[in-house]
C-alpha atoms as a PDB file:
ATOM      1  CA  PHE A   1      24.526  24.988  32.026  1.00  0.00           C
ATOM      2  CA  ALA A   2      23.497  23.704  28.664  1.00  0.00           C
ATOM      3  CA  ILE A   3      20.903  21.140  28.019  1.00  0.00           C
ATOM      4  CA  ILE A   4      21.147  19.788  24.434  1.00  0.00           C
ATOM      5  CA  GLY A   5      17.952  17.848  23.577  1.00  0.00           C
ATOM      6  CA  LEU A   6      14.704  18.224  25.474  1.00  0.00           C
ATOM      7  CA  SER A   7      13.174  14.696  25.592  1.00  0.00           C
ATOM      8  CA  ARG A   8      11.341  13.872  28.764  1.00  0.00           C
ATOM      9  CA  PHE A   9      14.441  13.491  30.907  1.00  0.00           C
ATOM     10  CA  GLY A  10      16.014  16.746  29.644  1.00  0.00           C
ATOM     11  CA  GLN A  11      12.818  18.543  30.332  1.00  0.00           C
ATOM     12  CA  ARG A  12      12.591  17.235  33.891  1.00  0.00           C
ATOM     13  CA  ILE A  13      16.182  18.481  34.573  1.00  0.00           C
ATOM     14  CA  LEU A  14      15.531  21.848  33.017  1.00  0.00           C
ATOM     15  CA  GLU A  15      12.379  22.323  35.027  1.00  0.00           C
ATOM     16  CA  GLU A  16      14.315  21.863  38.333  1.00  0.00           C
ATOM     17  CA  LEU A  17      17.103  24.142  37.249  1.00  0.00           C
ATOM     18  CA  ILE A  18      14.966  27.099  36.113  1.00  0.00           C
ATOM     19  CA  ASP A  19      14.530  28.545  39.481  1.00  0.00           C
ATOM     20  CA  VAL A  20      18.358  28.479  40.285  1.00  0.00           C
ATOM     21  CA  ASN A  21      19.782  31.952  39.564  1.00  0.00           C
ATOM     22  CA  CYS A  22      22.238  31.060  36.822  1.00  0.00           C
ATOM     23  CA  GLU A  23      22.299  30.982  33.074  1.00  0.00           C
ATOM     24  CA  ILE A  24      20.699  27.972  31.268  1.00  0.00           C
ATOM     25  CA  LEU A  25      20.987  27.340  27.544  1.00  0.00           C
ATOM     26  CA  ILE A  26      18.760  24.985  25.651  1.00  0.00           C
ATOM     27  CA  ILE A  27      18.853  23.547  22.184  1.00  0.00           C
ATOM     28  CA  ASP A  28      16.354  21.402  20.478  1.00  0.00           C
ATOM     29  CA  LYS A  29      15.127  20.671  16.964  1.00  0.00           C
ATOM     30  CA  SER A  30      11.340  21.119  18.060  1.00  0.00           C
ATOM     31  CA  ARG A  31      10.327  24.638  17.848  1.00  0.00           C
ATOM     32  CA  GLU A  32       7.166  23.781  19.860  1.00  0.00           C
ATOM     33  CA  ILE A  33       9.299  22.603  22.844  1.00  0.00           C
ATOM     34  CA  ILE A  34      11.657  25.633  22.601  1.00  0.00           C
ATOM     35  CA  GLU A  35       8.558  27.971  22.647  1.00  0.00           C
ATOM     36  CA  ILE A  36       7.497  26.488  25.935  1.00  0.00           C
ATOM     37  CA  TYR A  37      10.735  27.259  27.750  1.00  0.00           C
ATOM     38  CA  LYS A  38      12.420  30.093  25.818  1.00  0.00           C
ATOM     39  CA  ASP A  39      11.261  32.794  28.244  1.00  0.00           C
ATOM     40  CA  LYS A  40      12.399  30.864  31.340  1.00  0.00           C
ATOM     41  CA  VAL A  41      16.040  30.504  30.158  1.00  0.00           C
ATOM     42  CA  ALA A  42      18.951  32.661  29.250  1.00  0.00           C
ATOM     43  CA  SER A  43      19.206  31.312  25.665  1.00  0.00           C
ATOM     44  CA  ALA A  44      17.006  29.020  23.655  1.00  0.00           C
ATOM     45  CA  TYR A  45      17.721  27.874  20.112  1.00  0.00           C
ATOM     46  CA  VAL A  46      15.920  25.603  17.589  1.00  0.00           C
ATOM     47  CA  ALA A  47      18.768  23.812  15.957  1.00  0.00           C
ATOM     48  CA  ASP A  48      19.984  20.405  14.833  1.00  0.00           C
ATOM     49  CA  ALA A  49      22.565  19.329  17.333  1.00  0.00           C
ATOM     50  CA  ILE A  50      24.244  16.937  14.880  1.00  0.00           C
ATOM     51  CA  ASN A  51      26.027  19.942  13.312  1.00  0.00           C
ATOM     52  CA  GLU A  52      29.304  20.490  15.084  1.00  0.00           C
ATOM     53  CA  GLU A  53      29.593  24.136  13.765  1.00  0.00           C
ATOM     54  CA  ILE A  54      26.264  24.891  15.402  1.00  0.00           C
ATOM     55  CA  ILE A  55      27.337  23.334  18.815  1.00  0.00           C
ATOM     56  CA  ASN A  56      30.595  25.346  18.691  1.00  0.00           C
ATOM     57  CA  LYS A  57      28.668  28.582  17.954  1.00  0.00           C
ATOM     58  CA  LEU A  58      25.861  28.215  20.413  1.00  0.00           C
ATOM     59  CA  VAL A  59      27.473  26.610  23.486  1.00  0.00           C
ATOM     60  CA  PRO A  60      30.008  28.740  25.351  1.00  0.00           C
ATOM     61  CA  GLN A  61      33.134  26.955  26.277  1.00  0.00           C
ATOM     62  CA  THR A  62      32.776  28.448  29.807  1.00  0.00           C
ATOM     63  CA  ILE A  63      29.716  26.639  30.801  1.00  0.00           C
ATOM     64  CA  ASP A  64      29.861  24.573  34.049  1.00  0.00           C
ATOM     65  CA  ALA A  65      28.130  21.524  32.731  1.00  0.00           C
ATOM     66  CA  ALA A  66      26.083  20.072  29.719  1.00  0.00           C
ATOM     67  CA  VAL A  67      23.281  17.521  29.625  1.00  0.00           C
ATOM     68  CA  VAL A  68      22.769  15.566  26.485  1.00  0.00           C
ATOM     69  CA  ASP A  69      19.392  14.061  26.058  1.00  0.00           C
ATOM     70  CA  LEU A  70      18.624  13.406  22.418  1.00  0.00           C
ATOM     71  CA  GLY A  71      15.993  10.704  23.028  1.00  0.00           C
ATOM     72  CA  ASP A  72      16.568   7.481  21.026  1.00  0.00           C
ATOM     73  CA  LYS A  73      18.950   9.129  18.530  1.00  0.00           C
ATOM     74  CA  LEU A  74      21.958   7.112  19.715  1.00  0.00           C
ATOM     75  CA  GLU A  75      24.463   8.334  16.976  1.00  0.00           C
ATOM     76  CA  VAL A  76      23.624  11.898  17.463  1.00  0.00           C
ATOM     77  CA  SER A  77      24.045  11.733  21.266  1.00  0.00           C
ATOM     78  CA  ILE A  78      27.551  10.193  20.739  1.00  0.00           C
ATOM     79  CA  LEU A  79      28.520  12.870  18.268  1.00  0.00           C
ATOM     80  CA  VAL A  80      27.290  15.699  20.407  1.00  0.00           C
ATOM     81  CA  THR A  81      28.971  14.315  23.539  1.00  0.00           C
ATOM     82  CA  ASN A  82      32.241  14.202  21.465  1.00  0.00           C
ATOM     83  CA  TYR A  83      31.677  17.876  20.172  1.00  0.00           C
ATOM     84  CA  LEU A  84      31.400  18.947  23.871  1.00  0.00           C
ATOM     85  CA  LYS A  85      34.437  17.000  24.904  1.00  0.00           C
ATOM     86  CA  LYS A  86      36.500  18.556  22.145  1.00  0.00           C
ATOM     87  CA  MET A  87      35.337  22.073  23.366  1.00  0.00           C
ATOM     88  CA  GLY A  88      36.775  21.286  26.714  1.00  0.00           C
ATOM     89  CA  ILE A  89      33.493  21.115  28.687  1.00  0.00           C
ATOM     90  CA  LYS A  90      34.572  19.489  31.970  1.00  0.00           C
ATOM     91  CA  LYS A  91      31.228  18.041  33.060  1.00  0.00           C
ATOM     92  CA  ILE A  92      29.174  16.235  30.458  1.00  0.00           C
ATOM     93  CA  ILE A  93      26.151  14.192  31.567  1.00  0.00           C
ATOM     94  CA  ALA A  94      24.667  12.062  28.823  1.00  0.00           C
ATOM     95  CA  LYS A  95      21.587   9.912  28.878  1.00  0.00           C
ATOM     96  CA  ALA A  96      22.100   6.280  27.636  1.00  0.00           C
ATOM     97  CA  GLU A  97      19.702   3.750  26.357  1.00  0.00           C
ATOM     98  CA  THR A  98      21.841   0.663  26.661  1.00  0.00           C
ATOM     99  CA  ASP A  99      25.046  -0.639  28.231  1.00  0.00           C
ATOM    100  CA  GLU A 100      26.750  -0.511  24.883  1.00  0.00           C
ATOM    101  CA  HIS A 101      25.573   3.021  24.182  1.00  0.00           C
ATOM    102  CA  ALA A 102      26.811   4.092  27.635  1.00  0.00           C
ATOM    103  CA  GLU A 103      30.172   2.562  26.982  1.00  0.00           C
ATOM    104  CA  ILE A 104      30.587   4.522  23.665  1.00  0.00           C
ATOM    105  CA  LEU A 105      29.492   7.750  25.403  1.00  0.00           C
ATOM    106  CA  ARG A 106      32.149   7.293  28.104  1.00  0.00           C
ATOM    107  CA  LEU A 107      34.837   6.679  25.346  1.00  0.00           C
ATOM    108  CA  VAL A 108      33.877   9.873  23.452  1.00  0.00           C
ATOM    109  CA  GLY A 109      33.888  12.096  26.518  1.00  0.00           C
ATOM    110  CA  ALA A 110      30.902  11.779  28.912  1.00  0.00           C
ATOM    111  CA  THR A 111      31.807  12.180  32.563  1.00  0.00           C
ATOM    112  CA  GLN A 112      28.478  10.830  33.880  1.00  0.00           C
ATOM    113  CA  ILE A 113      26.128   8.312  32.369  1.00  0.00           C
ATOM    114  CA  ILE A 114      22.425   8.419  33.245  1.00  0.00           C
ATOM    115  CA  PHE A 115      19.943   5.524  32.633  1.00  0.00           C
ATOM    116  CA  PRO A 116      16.627   7.357  33.324  1.00  0.00           C
ATOM    117  CA  ASN A 117      14.713   4.026  33.347  1.00  0.00           C
ATOM    118  CA  ARG A 118      17.053   2.791  36.007  1.00  0.00           C
ATOM    119  CA  GLU A 119      17.799   5.895  38.059  1.00  0.00           C
ATOM    120  CA  ALA A 120      15.660   8.505  39.757  1.00  0.00           C
ATOM    121  CA  ALA A 121      16.166  11.816  38.125  1.00  0.00           C
ATOM    122  CA  LYS A 122      16.407  13.436  41.582  1.00  0.00           C
ATOM    123  CA  ARG A 123      19.970  12.233  41.604  1.00  0.00           C
ATOM    124  CA  ILE A 124      20.942  14.467  38.783  1.00  0.00           C
ATOM    125  CA  ALA A 125      20.145  18.036  39.818  1.00  0.00           C
ATOM    126  CA  PRO A 126      22.719  18.058  42.664  1.00  0.00           C
ATOM    127  CA  LEU A 127      25.411  16.899  40.224  1.00  0.00           C
ATOM    128  CA  LEU A 128      24.710  19.976  38.005  1.00  0.00           C
ATOM    129  CA  ILE A 129      24.442  22.440  40.753  1.00  0.00           C
ATOM    130  CA  SER A 130      27.732  21.575  42.416  1.00  0.00           C
ATOM    131  CA  SER A 131      31.066  21.213  40.708  1.00  0.00           C
ATOM    132  CA  LEU A 132      32.311  19.166  43.748  1.00  0.00           C
ATOM    133  CA  LEU A 133      29.754  16.405  43.418  1.00  0.00           C
ATOM    134  CA  PHE A 134      30.485  13.368  41.178  1.00  0.00           C
ATOM    135  CA  SER A 135      27.697  11.023  42.399  1.00  0.00           C
ATOM    136  CA  TYR A 136      24.700  11.567  44.704  1.00  0.00           C
ATOM    137  CA  LEU A 137      22.504   8.753  46.062  1.00  0.00           C
ATOM    138  CA  PRO A 138      19.746   9.486  48.627  1.00  0.00           C
ATOM    139  CA  ILE A 139      19.503   6.375  50.933  1.00  0.00           C
ATOM    140  CA  SER A 140      16.635   7.545  53.197  1.00  0.00           C
ATOM    141  CA  ARG A 141      14.932  10.761  53.946  1.00  0.00           C
ATOM    142  CA  GLU A 142      18.001  12.229  55.476  1.00  0.00           C
ATOM    143  CA  LEU A 143      21.019  10.041  54.610  1.00  0.00           C
ATOM    144  CA  VAL A 144      22.903  10.626  51.393  1.00  0.00           C
ATOM    145  CA  ILE A 145      25.943   8.692  49.930  1.00  0.00           C
ATOM    146  CA  ALA A 146      27.972  10.957  47.700  1.00  0.00           C
ATOM    147  CA  GLU A 147      31.291  11.206  45.887  1.00  0.00           C
ATOM    148  CA  ILE A 148      32.804  14.581  46.500  1.00  0.00           C
ATOM    149  CA  LYS A 149      35.857  15.971  44.888  1.00  0.00           C
ATOM    150  CA  VAL A 150      38.682  17.069  47.254  1.00  0.00           C
ATOM    151  CA  PRO A 151      38.518  20.948  47.283  1.00  0.00           C
ATOM    152  CA  GLU A 152      41.652  22.910  46.689  1.00  0.00           C
ATOM    153  CA  GLU A 153      41.986  24.024  50.300  1.00  0.00           C
ATOM    154  CA  LEU A 154      42.441  20.535  51.455  1.00  0.00           C
ATOM    155  CA  ILE A 155      45.194  19.357  49.004  1.00  0.00           C
ATOM    156  CA  GLY A 156      48.297  18.362  50.930  1.00  0.00           C
ATOM    157  CA  LYS A 157      46.517  17.765  54.244  1.00  0.00           C
ATOM    158  CA  THR A 158      45.812  14.367  55.888  1.00  0.00           C
ATOM    159  CA  LEU A 159      42.347  13.333  56.570  1.00  0.00           C
ATOM    160  CA  ILE A 160      42.798  13.986  60.247  1.00  0.00           C
ATOM    161  CA  GLU A 161      43.946  17.457  59.510  1.00  0.00           C
ATOM    162  CA  ALA A 162      41.052  18.044  57.221  1.00  0.00           C
ATOM    163  CA  ASN A 163      38.725  17.100  60.079  1.00  0.00           C
ATOM    164  CA  LEU A 164      35.625  16.782  57.920  1.00  0.00           C
ATOM    165  CA  ARG A 165      33.680  15.025  60.493  1.00  0.00           C
ATOM    166  CA  GLN A 166      34.033  17.682  63.165  1.00  0.00           C
ATOM    167  CA  LYS A 167      33.829  20.690  60.842  1.00  0.00           C
ATOM    168  CA  HIS A 168      31.272  19.618  58.348  1.00  0.00           C
ATOM    169  CA  ARG A 169      29.619  16.396  59.774  1.00  0.00           C
ATOM    170  CA  LEU A 170      30.901  14.390  56.772  1.00  0.00           C
ATOM    171  CA  ASN A 171      31.854  10.817  57.422  1.00  0.00           C
ATOM    172  CA  VAL A 172      34.491   9.854  54.852  1.00  0.00           C
ATOM    173  CA  VAL A 173      34.238   6.094  54.002  1.00  0.00           C
ATOM    174  CA  ALA A 174      36.898   5.741  51.419  1.00  0.00           C
ATOM    175  CA  PHE A 175      38.413   7.447  48.336  1.00  0.00           C
ATOM    176  CA  ARG A 176      39.316   6.926  44.747  1.00  0.00           C
ATOM    177  CA  LYS A 177      41.398   8.616  42.093  1.00  0.00           C
ATOM    178  CA  GLU A 178      39.311  10.666  39.483  1.00  0.00           C
ATOM    179  CA  ASN A 179      40.157   8.427  36.618  1.00  0.00           C
ATOM    180  CA  GLU A 180      39.810   5.177  38.542  1.00  0.00           C
ATOM    181  CA  SER A 181      36.728   3.170  39.790  1.00  0.00           C
ATOM    182  CA  ASP A 182      38.345   1.270  42.665  1.00  0.00           C
ATOM    183  CA  TYR A 183      38.058   2.644  46.138  1.00  0.00           C
ATOM    184  CA  SER A 184      40.862   2.615  48.844  1.00  0.00           C
ATOM    185  CA  TYR A 185      40.965   3.240  52.548  1.00  0.00           C
ATOM    186  CA  PHE A 186      42.971   6.188  53.727  1.00  0.00           C
ATOM    187  CA  ALA A 187      46.317   5.589  55.460  1.00  0.00           C
ATOM    188  CA  PRO A 188      46.799   7.777  58.509  1.00  0.00           C
ATOM    189  CA  ASP A 189      49.715   9.682  56.856  1.00  0.00           C
ATOM    190  CA  TYR A 190      48.148   9.973  53.295  1.00  0.00           C
ATOM    191  CA  ARG A 191      48.133  13.423  52.097  1.00  0.00           C
ATOM    192  CA  LEU A 192      45.320  14.478  49.870  1.00  0.00           C
ATOM    193  CA  GLU A 193      45.821  15.124  46.160  1.00  0.00           C
ATOM    194  CA  ASP A 194      43.914  17.080  43.580  1.00  0.00           C
ATOM    195  CA  ASP A 195      42.604  14.108  41.743  1.00  0.00           C
ATOM    196  CA  ASP A 196      41.181  12.455  44.984  1.00  0.00           C
ATOM    197  CA  ILE A 197      37.347  11.865  45.273  1.00  0.00           C
ATOM    198  CA  PHE A 198      35.882  11.204  48.662  1.00  0.00           C
ATOM    199  CA  LEU A 199      33.052   8.627  49.249  1.00  0.00           C
ATOM    200  CA  VAL A 200      31.126  10.119  52.089  1.00  0.00           C
ATOM    201  CA  ALA A 201      27.961   9.371  54.073  1.00  0.00           C
ATOM    202  CA  ALA A 202      26.065  12.357  55.633  1.00  0.00           C
ATOM    203  CA  LYS A 203      22.813  14.142  56.116  1.00  0.00           C
ATOM    204  CA  GLU A 204      21.408  15.596  52.968  1.00  0.00           C
ATOM    205  CA  THR A 205      21.628  19.169  54.587  1.00  0.00           C
ATOM    206  CA  ASP A 206      25.346  18.700  55.354  1.00  0.00           C
ATOM    207  CA  ILE A 207      26.011  17.590  51.779  1.00  0.00           C
ATOM    208  CA  GLU A 208      24.216  20.660  50.446  1.00  0.00           C
ATOM    209  CA  SER A 209      26.013  22.901  52.870  1.00  0.00           C
ATOM    210  CA  TYR A 210      29.475  21.594  51.950  1.00  0.00           C
ATOM    211  CA  THR A 211      29.162  21.394  48.239  1.00  0.00           C
ATOM    212  CA  GLY A 212      27.034  24.505  48.018  1.00  0.00           C
ATOM    213  CA  THR A 213      30.135  26.669  48.115  1.00  0.00           C
ATOM    214  CA  GLU A 214      30.782  25.895  44.442  1.00  0.00           C
ATOM    215  CA  VAL A 215      27.222  26.995  43.252  1.00  0.00           C
ATOM    216  CA  ALA A 216      26.987  29.767  40.771  1.00  0.00           C
ATOM    217  CA  GLU A 217      26.627  33.134  42.497  1.00  0.00           C
ATOM    218  CA  GLY A 218      22.937  33.691  43.341  1.00  0.00           C
ATOM    219  CA  GLY A 219      22.056  30.031  43.310  1.00  0.00           C
ATOM    220  CA  LYS A 220      23.239  29.205  46.840  1.00  0.00           C
ATOM    221  CA  GLN A 221      20.194  30.425  48.722  1.00  0.00           C
ATOM    222  CA  LYS A 222      17.845  28.316  46.623  1.00  0.00           C
ATOM    223  CA  ILE A 223      19.562  24.923  46.737  1.00  0.00           C
ATOM    224  CA  SER A 224      17.677  23.584  49.747  1.00  0.00           C
ATOM    225  CA  ASN A 225      14.267  24.435  48.131  1.00  0.00           C
ATOM    226  CA  LEU A 226      15.425  23.115  44.762  1.00  0.00           C
ATOM    227  CA  PHE A 227      16.131  19.613  46.430  1.00  0.00           C
ATOM    228  CA  LYS A 228      12.722  19.496  48.080  1.00  0.00           C
ATOM    229  CA  ARG A 229      10.884  20.672  44.905  1.00  0.00           C
ATOM    230  CA  PHE A 230      12.846  18.142  42.918  1.00  0.00           C
ATOM    231  CA  PHE A 231      11.872  15.325  45.123  1.00  0.00           C
ATOM    232  CA  THR A 232       8.225  16.232  45.189  1.00  0.00           C
ATOM    233  CA  ARG A 233       7.778  16.820  41.501  1.00  0.00           C
ATOM    234  CA  PHE A 234       9.651  13.630  40.626  1.00  0.00           C
ATOM    235  CA  LYS A 235       7.248  11.527  42.679  1.00  0.00           C
ATOM    236  CA  GLU A 236       4.229  13.321  41.262  1.00  0.00           C
ATOM    237  CA  GLY A 237       5.579  12.810  37.748  1.00  0.00           C
ATOM    238  CA  GLU A 238       6.040   9.090  38.317  1.00  0.00           C
ATOM    239  CA  LYS A 239       2.432   8.787  39.626  1.00  0.00           C
ATOM    240  CA  GLY A 240       1.185  10.688  36.516  1.00  0.00           C
ATOM    241  CA  GLY A 241       3.233   8.462  34.306  1.00  0.00           C
ATOM    242  CA  ASN A 242       1.783   5.276  35.948  1.00  0.00           C
ATOM    243  CA  ASN A 243      -1.619   6.611  35.533  1.00  0.00           C
ATOM    244  CA  ASN A 244      -1.166   7.182  31.883  1.00  0.00           C
ATOM    245  CA  SER A 245       0.411   3.792  31.132  1.00  0.00           C
END
């Protein structure tokens, strides 16, 4: 994973990914911030992300996902998102400040937009960890609503043949195409295609179990603990932030 820009949101995401056994790359202009984290990640660079040549040089094209958090530097975040898109990075999660900013980020290549002031950061770590997850929303202590990309082994099967409810305890509510936002209900004879995305309701542990098959090698065993730590730390951080305000 790559995290470009370590403002408050980027640091929260980084702290929750550090314990996952995979390579993490960070880039920020602040030497002070890089010094804090450099020994905890695979690669750490003090650099100005506005320079496309630097991004091309430092960020491998093989990374699974990138997070862009450049604080209130709207123009720079737009440029960096576009640099990553041109590099072929498939999952680009960008922090937006306004609806207008979000729309531009989508146009230039962001696959996921985050409004930290509107959304709990605990929704983001699962999206980074699994290449199957598109959206992740905890509804209660156990219930999660999530968007899950149809895995390769189910392509060509009907929902009945996939038997997700019996095999994995996933309740499929509806589906949409990857480049569309509207959901549809499954026809009994509809055969799954590679650009289908399930909308499912399930227990958190069942979501983790099903999507965990796509986690980087070595990280699978730590996913459950990662979720629990993220929830705890996020709540503690919110309490601390409220006390400081």
